[in-house]
Amino acid sequence: MQCVVDLKLRVEKLDVKMVPGGAGSEGLGPGPGQESKEDREERVLAMLGIVGTMLNLLVIIFVYIYTTV
């Protein structure tokens, strides 16, 4: 019986550490639903990168068509 209780306590302790925002994640940043400023900036920069890539592709296609005509 003691072994079962000890195992249960170890599993619960491990469970708490694996949950984002749990007891073992003080240095891991905000949990779900708590967006940090850096995360928002990274998403904006990623979107700008995607838009810039698409615009570059359009320019390349336009220049290719213009030079072949």
PDB file of N, CA and C in Angstrom:
ATOM      1  N   MET A   1       0.823  -1.206   0.000  1.00  0.00           N
ATOM      2  CA  MET A   1       0.000   0.000   0.000  1.00  0.00           C
ATOM      3  C   MET A   1       0.865   1.267   0.000  1.00  0.00           C
ATOM      4  N   GLN A   2       1.937   1.227   0.794  1.00  0.00           N
ATOM      5  CA  GLN A   2       2.845   2.372   0.864  1.00  0.00           C
ATOM      6  C   GLN A   2       3.463   2.657  -0.496  1.00  0.00           C
ATOM      7  N   CYS A   3       3.769   1.599  -1.233  1.00  0.00           N
ATOM      8  CA  CYS A   3       4.374   1.751  -2.551  1.00  0.00           C
ATOM      9  C   CYS A   3       3.404   2.418  -3.522  1.00  0.00           C
ATOM     10  N   VAL A   4       2.120   2.058  -3.449  1.00  0.00           N
ATOM     11  CA  VAL A   4       1.109   2.638  -4.332  1.00  0.00           C
ATOM     12  C   VAL A   4       0.938   4.123  -4.044  1.00  0.00           C
ATOM     13  N   VAL A   5       0.902   4.488  -2.770  1.00  0.00           N
ATOM     14  CA  VAL A   5       0.747   5.891  -2.390  1.00  0.00           C
ATOM     15  C   VAL A   5       1.971   6.686  -2.833  1.00  0.00           C
ATOM     16  N   ASP A   6       3.164   6.109  -2.626  1.00  0.00           N
ATOM     17  CA  ASP A   6       4.392   6.781  -3.027  1.00  0.00           C
ATOM     18  C   ASP A   6       4.435   6.989  -4.541  1.00  0.00           C
ATOM     19  N   LEU A   7       4.036   5.961  -5.295  1.00  0.00           N
ATOM     20  CA  LEU A   7       4.008   6.068  -6.748  1.00  0.00           C
ATOM     21  C   LEU A   7       3.002   7.119  -7.200  1.00  0.00           C
ATOM     22  N   LYS A   8       1.836   7.147  -6.557  1.00  0.00           N
ATOM     23  CA  LYS A   8       0.808   8.128  -6.907  1.00  0.00           C
ATOM     24  C   LYS A   8       1.320   9.555  -6.662  1.00  0.00           C
ATOM     25  N   LEU A   9       2.016   9.761  -5.543  1.00  0.00           N
ATOM     26  CA  LEU A   9       2.561  11.090  -5.257  1.00  0.00           C
ATOM     27  C   LEU A   9       3.617  11.483  -6.272  1.00  0.00           C
ATOM     28  N   ARG A  10       4.447  10.539  -6.687  1.00  0.00           N
ATOM     29  CA  ARG A  10       5.466  10.839  -7.690  1.00  0.00           C
ATOM     30  C   ARG A  10       4.833  11.197  -9.030  1.00  0.00           C
ATOM     31  N   VAL A  11       3.788  10.483  -9.428  1.00  0.00           N
ATOM     32  CA  VAL A  11       3.109  10.767 -10.697  1.00  0.00           C
ATOM     33  C   VAL A  11       2.450  12.131 -10.642  1.00  0.00           C
ATOM     34  N   GLU A  12       1.799  12.464  -9.530  1.00  0.00           N
ATOM     35  CA  GLU A  12       1.158  13.772  -9.407  1.00  0.00           C
ATOM     36  C   GLU A  12       2.202  14.887  -9.462  1.00  0.00           C
ATOM     37  N   LYS A  13       3.334  14.677  -8.811  1.00  0.00           N
ATOM     38  CA  LYS A  13       4.395  15.678  -8.827  1.00  0.00           C
ATOM     39  C   LYS A  13       4.938  15.861 -10.245  1.00  0.00           C
ATOM     40  N   LEU A  14       5.119  14.758 -10.969  1.00  0.00           N
ATOM     41  CA  LEU A  14       5.585  14.817 -12.344  1.00  0.00           C
ATOM     42  C   LEU A  14       4.563  15.506 -13.233  1.00  0.00           C
ATOM     43  N   ASP A  15       3.285  15.239 -13.017  1.00  0.00           N
ATOM     44  CA  ASP A  15       2.200  15.848 -13.777  1.00  0.00           C
ATOM     45  C   ASP A  15       2.217  17.367 -13.640  1.00  0.00           C
ATOM     46  N   VAL A  16       2.435  17.853 -12.428  1.00  0.00           N
ATOM     47  CA  VAL A  16       2.426  19.291 -12.183  1.00  0.00           C
ATOM     48  C   VAL A  16       3.562  19.959 -12.931  1.00  0.00           C
ATOM     49  N   LYS A  17       4.714  19.313 -13.018  1.00  0.00           N
ATOM     50  CA  LYS A  17       5.859  19.907 -13.697  1.00  0.00           C
ATOM     51  C   LYS A  17       5.678  19.947 -15.208  1.00  0.00           C
ATOM     52  N   MET A  18       4.888  19.029 -15.750  1.00  0.00           N
ATOM     53  CA  MET A  18       4.742  18.946 -17.193  1.00  0.00           C
ATOM     54  C   MET A  18       3.638  19.853 -17.730  1.00  0.00           C
ATOM     55  N   VAL A  19       2.851  20.440 -16.869  1.00  0.00           N
ATOM     56  CA  VAL A  19       1.769  21.313 -17.302  1.00  0.00           C
ATOM     57  C   VAL A  19       2.323  22.709 -17.538  1.00  0.00           C
ATOM     58  N   PRO A  20       2.064  23.337 -18.695  1.00  0.00           N
ATOM     59  CA  PRO A  20       2.537  24.709 -18.906  1.00  0.00           C
ATOM     60  C   PRO A  20       1.942  25.640 -17.849  1.00  0.00           C
ATOM     61  N   GLY A  21       2.780  26.404 -17.222  1.00  0.00           N
ATOM     62  CA  GLY A  21       2.318  27.300 -16.170  1.00  0.00           C
ATOM     63  C   GLY A  21       2.169  26.598 -14.844  1.00  0.00           C
ATOM     64  N   GLY A  22       2.628  25.350 -14.739  1.00  0.00           N
ATOM     65  CA  GLY A  22       2.509  24.575 -13.509  1.00  0.00           C
ATOM     66  C   GLY A  22       3.591  24.971 -12.510  1.00  0.00           C
ATOM     67  N   ALA A  23       3.711  24.159 -11.456  1.00  0.00           N
ATOM     68  CA  ALA A  23       4.621  24.483 -10.357  1.00  0.00           C
ATOM     69  C   ALA A  23       6.081  24.462 -10.785  1.00  0.00           C
ATOM     70  N   GLY A  24       6.446  23.643 -11.765  1.00  0.00           N
ATOM     71  CA  GLY A  24       7.843  23.518 -12.143  1.00  0.00           C
ATOM     72  C   GLY A  24       8.265  24.422 -13.282  1.00  0.00           C
ATOM     73  N   SER A  25       7.434  25.352 -13.688  1.00  0.00           N
ATOM     74  CA  SER A  25       7.755  26.144 -14.882  1.00  0.00           C
ATOM     75  C   SER A  25       7.848  27.638 -14.590  1.00  0.00           C
ATOM     76  N   GLU A  26       8.556  27.986 -13.528  1.00  0.00           N
ATOM     77  CA  GLU A  26       8.672  29.410 -13.197  1.00  0.00           C
ATOM     78  C   GLU A  26       9.444  30.172 -14.262  1.00  0.00           C
ATOM     79  N   GLY A  27      10.499  29.575 -14.820  1.00  0.00           N
ATOM     80  CA  GLY A  27      11.348  30.268 -15.776  1.00  0.00           C
ATOM     81  C   GLY A  27      10.950  30.045 -17.220  1.00  0.00           C
ATOM     82  N   LEU A  28       9.821  29.402 -17.469  1.00  0.00           N
ATOM     83  CA  LEU A  28       9.435  29.074 -18.832  1.00  0.00           C
ATOM     84  C   LEU A  28       8.550  30.123 -19.483  1.00  0.00           C
ATOM     85  N   GLY A  29       8.241  31.169 -18.789  1.00  0.00           N
ATOM     86  CA  GLY A  29       7.423  32.229 -19.377  1.00  0.00           C
ATOM     87  C   GLY A  29       5.950  32.038 -19.081  1.00  0.00           C
ATOM     88  N   PRO A  30       5.103  32.810 -19.767  1.00  0.00           N
ATOM     89  CA  PRO A  30       3.675  32.765 -19.493  1.00  0.00           C
ATOM     90  C   PRO A  30       3.047  31.462 -19.978  1.00  0.00           C
ATOM     91  N   GLY A  31       1.968  31.089 -19.326  1.00  0.00           N
ATOM     92  CA  GLY A  31       1.248  29.877 -19.704  1.00  0.00           C
ATOM     93  C   GLY A  31       0.265  30.172 -20.818  1.00  0.00           C
ATOM     94  N   PRO A  32      -0.599  29.203 -21.112  1.00  0.00           N
ATOM     95  CA  PRO A  32      -1.573  29.415 -22.178  1.00  0.00           C
ATOM     96  C   PRO A  32      -2.537  30.555 -21.830  1.00  0.00           C
ATOM     97  N   GLY A  33      -2.859  31.357 -22.818  1.00  0.00           N
ATOM     98  CA  GLY A  33      -3.758  32.484 -22.588  1.00  0.00           C
ATOM     99  C   GLY A  33      -3.050  33.717 -22.066  1.00  0.00           C
ATOM    100  N   GLN A  34      -1.758  33.631 -21.816  1.00  0.00           N
ATOM    101  CA  GLN A  34      -0.994  34.772 -21.311  1.00  0.00           C
ATOM    102  C   GLN A  34       0.101  35.100 -22.317  1.00  0.00           C
ATOM    103  N   GLU A  35      -0.284  35.776 -23.369  1.00  0.00           N
ATOM    104  CA  GLU A  35       0.648  36.072 -24.454  1.00  0.00           C
ATOM    105  C   GLU A  35       1.617  37.161 -24.027  1.00  0.00           C
ATOM    106  N   SER A  36       2.890  36.915 -24.214  1.00  0.00           N
ATOM    107  CA  SER A  36       3.878  37.926 -23.867  1.00  0.00           C
ATOM    108  C   SER A  36       4.097  38.870 -25.058  1.00  0.00           C
ATOM    109  N   LYS A  37       4.729  39.987 -24.788  1.00  0.00           N
ATOM    110  CA  LYS A  37       4.974  40.979 -25.826  1.00  0.00           C
ATOM    111  C   LYS A  37       5.908  40.426 -26.901  1.00  0.00           C
ATOM    112  N   GLU A  38       6.881  39.606 -26.486  1.00  0.00           N
ATOM    113  CA  GLU A  38       7.819  39.036 -27.453  1.00  0.00           C
ATOM    114  C   GLU A  38       7.116  38.086 -28.417  1.00  0.00           C
ATOM    115  N   ASP A  39       6.157  37.307 -27.897  1.00  0.00           N
ATOM    116  CA  ASP A  39       5.426  36.386 -28.769  1.00  0.00           C
ATOM    117  C   ASP A  39       4.645  37.150 -29.832  1.00  0.00           C
ATOM    118  N   ARG A  40       4.017  38.239 -29.421  1.00  0.00           N
ATOM    119  CA  ARG A  40       3.250  39.043 -30.377  1.00  0.00           C
ATOM    120  C   ARG A  40       4.175  39.647 -31.433  1.00  0.00           C
ATOM    121  N   GLU A  41       5.321  40.157 -30.991  1.00  0.00           N
ATOM    122  CA  GLU A  41       6.275  40.740 -31.943  1.00  0.00           C
ATOM    123  C   GLU A  41       6.789  39.686 -32.919  1.00  0.00           C
ATOM    124  N   GLU A  42       7.055  38.486 -32.417  1.00  0.00           N
ATOM    125  CA  GLU A  42       7.541  37.425 -33.297  1.00  0.00           C
ATOM    126  C   GLU A  42       6.499  37.051 -34.339  1.00  0.00           C
ATOM    127  N   ARG A  43       5.223  37.011 -33.940  1.00  0.00           N
ATOM    128  CA  ARG A  43       4.170  36.682 -34.901  1.00  0.00           C
ATOM    129  C   ARG A  43       4.032  37.775 -35.955  1.00  0.00           C
ATOM    130  N   VAL A  44       4.145  39.039 -35.549  1.00  0.00           N
ATOM    131  CA  VAL A  44       4.056  40.145 -36.507  1.00  0.00           C
ATOM    132  C   VAL A  44       5.228  40.081 -37.484  1.00  0.00           C
ATOM    133  N   LEU A  45       6.427  39.826 -36.968  1.00  0.00           N
ATOM    134  CA  LEU A  45       7.593  39.734 -37.847  1.00  0.00           C
ATOM    135  C   LEU A  45       7.486  38.545 -38.796  1.00  0.00           C
ATOM    136  N   ALA A  46       6.936  37.442 -38.326  1.00  0.00           N
ATOM    137  CA  ALA A  46       6.754  36.281 -39.204  1.00  0.00           C
ATOM    138  C   ALA A  46       5.774  36.604 -40.325  1.00  0.00           C
ATOM    139  N   MET A  47       4.684  37.291 -39.989  1.00  0.00           N
ATOM    140  CA  MET A  47       3.707  37.663 -41.015  1.00  0.00           C
ATOM    141  C   MET A  47       4.327  38.636 -42.019  1.00  0.00           C
ATOM    142  N   LEU A  48       5.116  39.590 -41.532  1.00  0.00           N
ATOM    143  CA  LEU A  48       5.787  40.523 -42.438  1.00  0.00           C
ATOM    144  C   LEU A  48       6.759  39.787 -43.354  1.00  0.00           C
ATOM    145  N   GLY A  49       7.431  38.790 -42.831  1.00  0.00           N
ATOM    146  CA  GLY A  49       8.337  37.995 -43.654  1.00  0.00           C
ATOM    147  C   GLY A  49       7.601  37.242 -44.748  1.00  0.00           C
ATOM    148  N   ILE A  50       6.442  36.687 -44.413  1.00  0.00           N
ATOM    149  CA  ILE A  50       5.641  35.960 -45.403  1.00  0.00           C
ATOM    150  C   ILE A  50       5.138  36.912 -46.485  1.00  0.00           C
ATOM    151  N   VAL A  51       4.640  38.076 -46.065  1.00  0.00           N
ATOM    152  CA  VAL A  51       4.145  39.064 -47.028  1.00  0.00           C
ATOM    153  C   VAL A  51       5.285  39.539 -47.924  1.00  0.00           C
ATOM    154  N   GLY A  52       6.440  39.790 -47.338  1.00  0.00           N
ATOM    155  CA  GLY A  52       7.594  40.222 -48.131  1.00  0.00           C
ATOM    156  C   GLY A  52       8.023  39.173 -49.146  1.00  0.00           C
ATOM    157  N   THR A  53       7.979  37.915 -48.754  1.00  0.00           N
ATOM    158  CA  THR A  53       8.335  36.835 -49.670  1.00  0.00           C
ATOM    159  C   THR A  53       7.362  36.774 -50.837  1.00  0.00           C
ATOM    160  N   MET A  54       6.084  36.924 -50.560  1.00  0.00           N
ATOM    161  CA  MET A  54       5.081  36.883 -51.630  1.00  0.00           C
ATOM    162  C   MET A  54       5.252  38.067 -52.580  1.00  0.00           C
ATOM    163  N   LEU A  55       5.544  39.239 -52.031  1.00  0.00           N
ATOM    164  CA  LEU A  55       5.773  40.400 -52.891  1.00  0.00           C
ATOM    165  C   LEU A  55       7.014  40.200 -53.766  1.00  0.00           C
ATOM    166  N   ASN A  56       8.057  39.615 -53.202  1.00  0.00           N
ATOM    167  CA  ASN A  56       9.259  39.330 -54.002  1.00  0.00           C
ATOM    168  C   ASN A  56       8.940  38.377 -55.140  1.00  0.00           C
ATOM    169  N   LEU A  57       8.139  37.360 -54.871  1.00  0.00           N
ATOM    170  CA  LEU A  57       7.754  36.428 -55.933  1.00  0.00           C
ATOM    171  C   LEU A  57       6.966  37.127 -57.029  1.00  0.00           C
ATOM    172  N   LEU A  58       6.068  38.032 -56.649  1.00  0.00           N
ATOM    173  CA  LEU A  58       5.314  38.785 -57.650  1.00  0.00           C
ATOM    174  C   LEU A  58       6.244  39.640 -58.508  1.00  0.00           C
ATOM    175  N   VAL A  59       7.208  40.280 -57.887  1.00  0.00           N
ATOM    176  CA  VAL A  59       8.156  41.106 -58.632  1.00  0.00           C
ATOM    177  C   VAL A  59       8.972  40.239 -59.584  1.00  0.00           C
ATOM    178  N   ILE A  60       9.422  39.090 -59.128  1.00  0.00           N
ATOM    179  CA  ILE A  60      10.201  38.194 -59.992  1.00  0.00           C
ATOM    180  C   ILE A  60       9.369  37.750 -61.191  1.00  0.00           C
ATOM    181  N   ILE A  61       8.115  37.388 -60.959  1.00  0.00           N
ATOM    182  CA  ILE A  61       7.236  36.969 -62.060  1.00  0.00           C
ATOM    183  C   ILE A  61       7.005  38.120 -63.027  1.00  0.00           C
ATOM    184  N   PHE A  62       6.753  39.323 -62.497  1.00  0.00           N
ATOM    185  CA  PHE A  62       6.529  40.487 -63.341  1.00  0.00           C
ATOM    186  C   PHE A  62       7.756  40.800 -64.198  1.00  0.00           C
ATOM    187  N   VAL A  63       8.929  40.764 -63.588  1.00  0.00           N
ATOM    188  CA  VAL A  63      10.155  41.055 -64.332  1.00  0.00           C
ATOM    189  C   VAL A  63      10.409  39.991 -65.380  1.00  0.00           C
ATOM    190  N   TYR A  64      10.137  38.733 -65.066  1.00  0.00           N
ATOM    191  CA  TYR A  64      10.322  37.652 -66.034  1.00  0.00           C
ATOM    192  C   TYR A  64       9.391  37.852 -67.233  1.00  0.00           C
ATOM    193  N   ILE A  65       8.128  38.174 -66.968  1.00  0.00           N
ATOM    194  CA  ILE A  65       7.171  38.394 -68.063  1.00  0.00           C
ATOM    195  C   ILE A  65       7.579  39.614 -68.877  1.00  0.00           C
ATOM    196  N   TYR A  66       7.988  40.687 -68.195  1.00  0.00           N
ATOM    197  CA  TYR A  66       8.356  41.919 -68.890  1.00  0.00           C
ATOM    198  C   TYR A  66       9.583  41.725 -69.781  1.00  0.00           C
ATOM    199  N   THR A  67      10.547  40.956 -69.310  1.00  0.00           N
ATOM    200  CA  THR A  67      11.766  40.799 -70.094  1.00  0.00           C
ATOM    201  C   THR A  67      11.586  39.808 -71.246  1.00  0.00           C
ATOM    202  N   THR A  68      10.616  38.917 -71.177  1.00  0.00           N
ATOM    203  CA  THR A  68      10.419  37.953 -72.248  1.00  0.00           C
ATOM    204  C   THR A  68       9.490  38.474 -73.331  1.00  0.00           C
ATOM    205  N   VAL A  69       8.756  39.542 -73.053  1.00  0.00           N
ATOM    206  CA  VAL A  69       7.817  40.078 -74.049  1.00  0.00           C
ATOM    207  C   VAL A  69       8.515  41.022 -74.989  1.00  0.00           C
TER     208      VAL A  69
END
